[in-house]
Amino acid sequence: MFAAQRLRRDILRRCPRVDPLAYPPNALEPHIDALTVEIHHDRHHQACVTNLNNFAYEHPQIAAKPIAEVLGNLDNFRGT
């Protein structure tokens, strides 16, 4: 296996994921409707996780760092 493929596999193995909701989407009704919960969880959270994983792939030096450290130092990657 080529080094780049191995690196990508290792990064993807450690990537954050969006876990399924622990409750049904309509569990928060009447305060928050099921569609809003689904959009927020399935689309918004997934987009954030996908963007973070893409960023980690483009910047492999951060892939092994704790997420709090990465998010706390995003200014270090501005313009890269």
N, C-alpha and C. Protein backbone atom coordinates (compact mmCIF):
# COMPACT_ATOMS: atom_id res chain seq x y z
N MET A 1 0.84 -1.17 0.00
CA MET A 1 0.00 0.00 0.00
C MET A 1 0.90 1.24 0.00
N PHE A 2 0.55 2.20 -0.81
CA PHE A 2 1.32 3.43 -0.88
C PHE A 2 1.15 4.24 0.41
N ALA A 3 2.16 5.05 0.73
CA ALA A 3 2.13 5.83 1.97
C ALA A 3 0.92 6.76 2.01
N ALA A 4 0.59 7.40 0.90
CA ALA A 4 -0.55 8.32 0.87
C ALA A 4 -1.86 7.58 1.13
N GLN A 5 -1.99 6.39 0.57
CA GLN A 5 -3.20 5.60 0.81
C GLN A 5 -3.29 5.17 2.27
N ARG A 6 -2.17 4.79 2.82
CA ARG A 6 -2.14 4.38 4.23
C ARG A 6 -2.49 5.57 5.13
N LEU A 7 -1.95 6.75 4.82
CA LEU A 7 -2.25 7.95 5.59
C LEU A 7 -3.73 8.28 5.52
N ARG A 8 -4.30 8.21 4.31
CA ARG A 8 -5.73 8.51 4.16
C ARG A 8 -6.58 7.51 4.95
N ARG A 9 -6.23 6.23 4.88
CA ARG A 9 -6.96 5.21 5.63
C ARG A 9 -6.89 5.47 7.13
N ASP A 10 -5.70 5.82 7.62
CA ASP A 10 -5.53 6.10 9.05
C ASP A 10 -6.31 7.32 9.48
N ILE A 11 -6.31 8.35 8.65
CA ILE A 11 -7.06 9.57 8.97
C ILE A 11 -8.55 9.26 9.00
N LEU A 12 -9.04 8.55 7.99
CA LEU A 12 -10.46 8.24 7.93
C LEU A 12 -10.90 7.37 9.10
N ARG A 13 -10.04 6.50 9.56
CA ARG A 13 -10.37 5.64 10.70
C ARG A 13 -10.57 6.46 11.96
N ARG A 14 -9.82 7.56 12.10
CA ARG A 14 -9.91 8.39 13.30
C ARG A 14 -10.88 9.56 13.14
N CYS A 15 -11.47 9.71 11.98
CA CYS A 15 -12.33 10.86 11.71
C CYS A 15 -13.55 10.89 12.62
N PRO A 16 -13.90 12.10 13.02
CA PRO A 16 -15.18 12.24 13.74
C PRO A 16 -16.33 11.83 12.83
N ARG A 17 -17.38 11.33 13.43
CA ARG A 17 -18.58 10.93 12.70
C ARG A 17 -19.80 11.53 13.38
N VAL A 18 -20.87 11.64 12.65
CA VAL A 18 -22.14 12.05 13.23
C VAL A 18 -22.88 10.77 13.60
N ASP A 19 -23.02 10.55 14.88
CA ASP A 19 -23.76 9.38 15.34
C ASP A 19 -25.25 9.59 15.14
N PRO A 20 -25.99 8.52 15.00
CA PRO A 20 -27.45 8.66 14.90
C PRO A 20 -28.00 9.30 16.16
N LEU A 21 -29.13 9.98 16.02
CA LEU A 21 -29.77 10.56 17.19
C LEU A 21 -30.11 9.45 18.19
N ALA A 22 -30.01 9.78 19.45
CA ALA A 22 -30.32 8.81 20.50
C ALA A 22 -31.81 8.79 20.82
N TYR A 23 -32.56 9.59 20.12
CA TYR A 23 -34.00 9.70 20.33
C TYR A 23 -34.67 9.95 18.98
N PRO A 24 -35.96 9.70 18.86
CA PRO A 24 -36.62 9.95 17.59
C PRO A 24 -36.67 11.45 17.30
N PRO A 25 -36.64 11.83 16.03
CA PRO A 25 -36.63 13.26 15.68
C PRO A 25 -37.82 14.04 16.23
N ASN A 26 -38.94 13.37 16.45
CA ASN A 26 -40.12 14.09 16.95
C ASN A 26 -40.18 14.14 18.48
N ALA A 27 -39.16 13.68 19.18
CA ALA A 27 -39.17 13.63 20.64
C ALA A 27 -39.20 15.01 21.28
N LEU A 28 -38.79 16.03 20.55
CA LEU A 28 -38.73 17.38 21.13
C LEU A 28 -39.97 18.22 20.80
N GLU A 29 -40.90 17.62 20.07
CA GLU A 29 -42.14 18.34 19.77
C GLU A 29 -42.93 18.53 21.05
N PRO A 30 -43.64 19.60 21.22
CA PRO A 30 -43.99 20.65 20.27
C PRO A 30 -42.99 21.80 20.23
N HIS A 31 -41.90 21.71 20.99
CA HIS A 31 -40.95 22.82 21.06
C HIS A 31 -40.09 22.93 19.80
N ILE A 32 -39.62 21.80 19.31
CA ILE A 32 -38.83 21.75 18.07
C ILE A 32 -39.41 20.63 17.22
N ASP A 33 -39.81 20.96 16.00
CA ASP A 33 -40.45 19.94 15.17
C ASP A 33 -39.41 18.97 14.60
N ALA A 34 -39.90 17.82 14.18
CA ALA A 34 -39.04 16.73 13.71
C ALA A 34 -38.20 17.15 12.50
N LEU A 35 -38.78 17.91 11.58
CA LEU A 35 -38.04 18.32 10.40
C LEU A 35 -36.85 19.20 10.77
N THR A 36 -37.05 20.11 11.72
CA THR A 36 -35.94 20.97 12.16
C THR A 36 -34.83 20.14 12.80
N VAL A 37 -35.20 19.17 13.61
CA VAL A 37 -34.20 18.29 14.23
C VAL A 37 -33.44 17.52 13.15
N GLU A 38 -34.17 16.97 12.18
CA GLU A 38 -33.51 16.22 11.11
C GLU A 38 -32.57 17.09 10.30
N ILE A 39 -33.01 18.28 9.93
CA ILE A 39 -32.15 19.18 9.15
C ILE A 39 -30.92 19.54 9.95
N HIS A 40 -31.12 19.92 11.20
CA HIS A 40 -29.99 20.34 12.03
C HIS A 40 -29.00 19.21 12.24
N HIS A 41 -29.49 18.03 12.56
CA HIS A 41 -28.61 16.89 12.82
C HIS A 41 -28.03 16.31 11.53
N ASP A 42 -28.91 15.94 10.62
CA ASP A 42 -28.48 15.18 9.44
C ASP A 42 -27.74 16.03 8.42
N ARG A 43 -28.07 17.29 8.31
CA ARG A 43 -27.42 18.12 7.29
C ARG A 43 -26.38 19.06 7.89
N HIS A 44 -26.78 19.84 8.88
CA HIS A 44 -25.86 20.83 9.45
C HIS A 44 -24.69 20.15 10.15
N HIS A 45 -24.97 19.26 11.09
CA HIS A 45 -23.88 18.59 11.80
C HIS A 45 -23.03 17.77 10.85
N GLN A 46 -23.66 17.09 9.88
CA GLN A 46 -22.89 16.30 8.93
C GLN A 46 -21.97 17.18 8.10
N ALA A 47 -22.44 18.36 7.70
CA ALA A 47 -21.60 19.28 6.93
C ALA A 47 -20.39 19.73 7.75
N CYS A 48 -20.61 20.02 9.02
CA CYS A 48 -19.50 20.43 9.89
C CYS A 48 -18.47 19.32 10.02
N VAL A 49 -18.92 18.11 10.25
CA VAL A 49 -18.02 16.98 10.40
C VAL A 49 -17.29 16.69 9.08
N THR A 50 -18.00 16.75 7.97
CA THR A 50 -17.38 16.52 6.66
C THR A 50 -16.30 17.56 6.39
N ASN A 51 -16.60 18.82 6.67
CA ASN A 51 -15.60 19.88 6.46
C ASN A 51 -14.39 19.70 7.36
N LEU A 52 -14.61 19.32 8.61
CA LEU A 52 -13.50 19.07 9.52
C LEU A 52 -12.65 17.91 9.03
N ASN A 53 -13.28 16.84 8.58
CA ASN A 53 -12.54 15.68 8.08
C ASN A 53 -11.75 16.02 6.82
N ASN A 54 -12.34 16.81 5.93
CA ASN A 54 -11.61 17.25 4.73
C ASN A 54 -10.42 18.11 5.11
N PHE A 55 -10.60 18.98 6.09
CA PHE A 55 -9.51 19.83 6.56
C PHE A 55 -8.38 18.97 7.14
N ALA A 56 -8.74 17.95 7.91
CA ALA A 56 -7.73 17.06 8.49
C ALA A 56 -6.99 16.29 7.41
N TYR A 57 -7.69 15.92 6.35
CA TYR A 57 -7.03 15.21 5.25
C TYR A 57 -6.04 16.14 4.54
N GLU A 58 -6.43 17.41 4.38
CA GLU A 58 -5.55 18.38 3.71
C GLU A 58 -4.40 18.82 4.61
N HIS A 59 -4.54 18.67 5.91
CA HIS A 59 -3.51 19.07 6.88
C HIS A 59 -3.22 17.87 7.80
N PRO A 60 -2.52 16.87 7.30
CA PRO A 60 -2.33 15.64 8.08
C PRO A 60 -1.63 15.84 9.42
N GLN A 61 -0.93 16.96 9.58
CA GLN A 61 -0.24 17.20 10.85
C GLN A 61 -1.23 17.37 12.01
N ILE A 62 -2.50 17.66 11.71
CA ILE A 62 -3.48 17.83 12.79
C ILE A 62 -4.29 16.56 13.04
N ALA A 63 -4.18 15.60 12.18
CA ALA A 63 -5.06 14.43 12.24
C ALA A 63 -4.97 13.68 13.56
N ALA A 64 -3.82 13.64 14.19
CA ALA A 64 -3.65 12.88 15.42
C ALA A 64 -3.89 13.72 16.68
N LYS A 65 -4.15 15.02 16.51
CA LYS A 65 -4.33 15.89 17.67
C LYS A 65 -5.76 15.81 18.19
N PRO A 66 -5.95 16.07 19.48
CA PRO A 66 -7.30 16.09 20.03
C PRO A 66 -8.13 17.19 19.37
N ILE A 67 -9.40 16.94 19.19
CA ILE A 67 -10.27 17.88 18.49
C ILE A 67 -10.29 19.25 19.17
N ALA A 68 -10.25 19.29 20.50
CA ALA A 68 -10.27 20.58 21.20
C ALA A 68 -9.04 21.41 20.86
N GLU A 69 -7.91 20.76 20.72
CA GLU A 69 -6.68 21.47 20.36
C GLU A 69 -6.76 22.00 18.93
N VAL A 70 -7.29 21.20 18.02
CA VAL A 70 -7.42 21.63 16.63
C VAL A 70 -8.35 22.83 16.53
N LEU A 71 -9.52 22.72 17.13
CA LEU A 71 -10.50 23.80 17.04
C LEU A 71 -10.02 25.05 17.77
N GLY A 72 -9.23 24.88 18.79
CA GLY A 72 -8.71 26.02 19.54
C GLY A 72 -7.59 26.75 18.84
N ASN A 73 -7.03 26.15 17.78
CA ASN A 73 -5.90 26.75 17.08
C ASN A 73 -6.14 26.91 15.59
N LEU A 74 -7.38 27.08 15.17
CA LEU A 74 -7.69 27.19 13.75
C LEU A 74 -7.02 28.41 13.10
N ASP A 75 -6.78 29.46 13.87
CA ASP A 75 -6.12 30.64 13.30
C ASP A 75 -4.73 30.31 12.76
N ASN A 76 -4.10 29.27 13.28
CA ASN A 76 -2.78 28.86 12.79
C ASN A 76 -2.83 28.35 11.37
N PHE A 77 -4.02 27.99 10.89
CA PHE A 77 -4.17 27.41 9.55
C PHE A 77 -4.81 28.38 8.56
N ARG A 78 -5.03 29.61 8.98
CA ARG A 78 -5.68 30.59 8.12
C ARG A 78 -4.84 30.79 6.86
N GLY A 79 -5.52 30.71 5.73
CA GLY A 79 -4.84 30.96 4.46
C GLY A 79 -4.09 29.77 3.92
N THR A 80 -4.18 28.61 4.57
CA THR A 80 -3.47 27.43 4.06
C THR A 80 -4.42 26.54 3.31
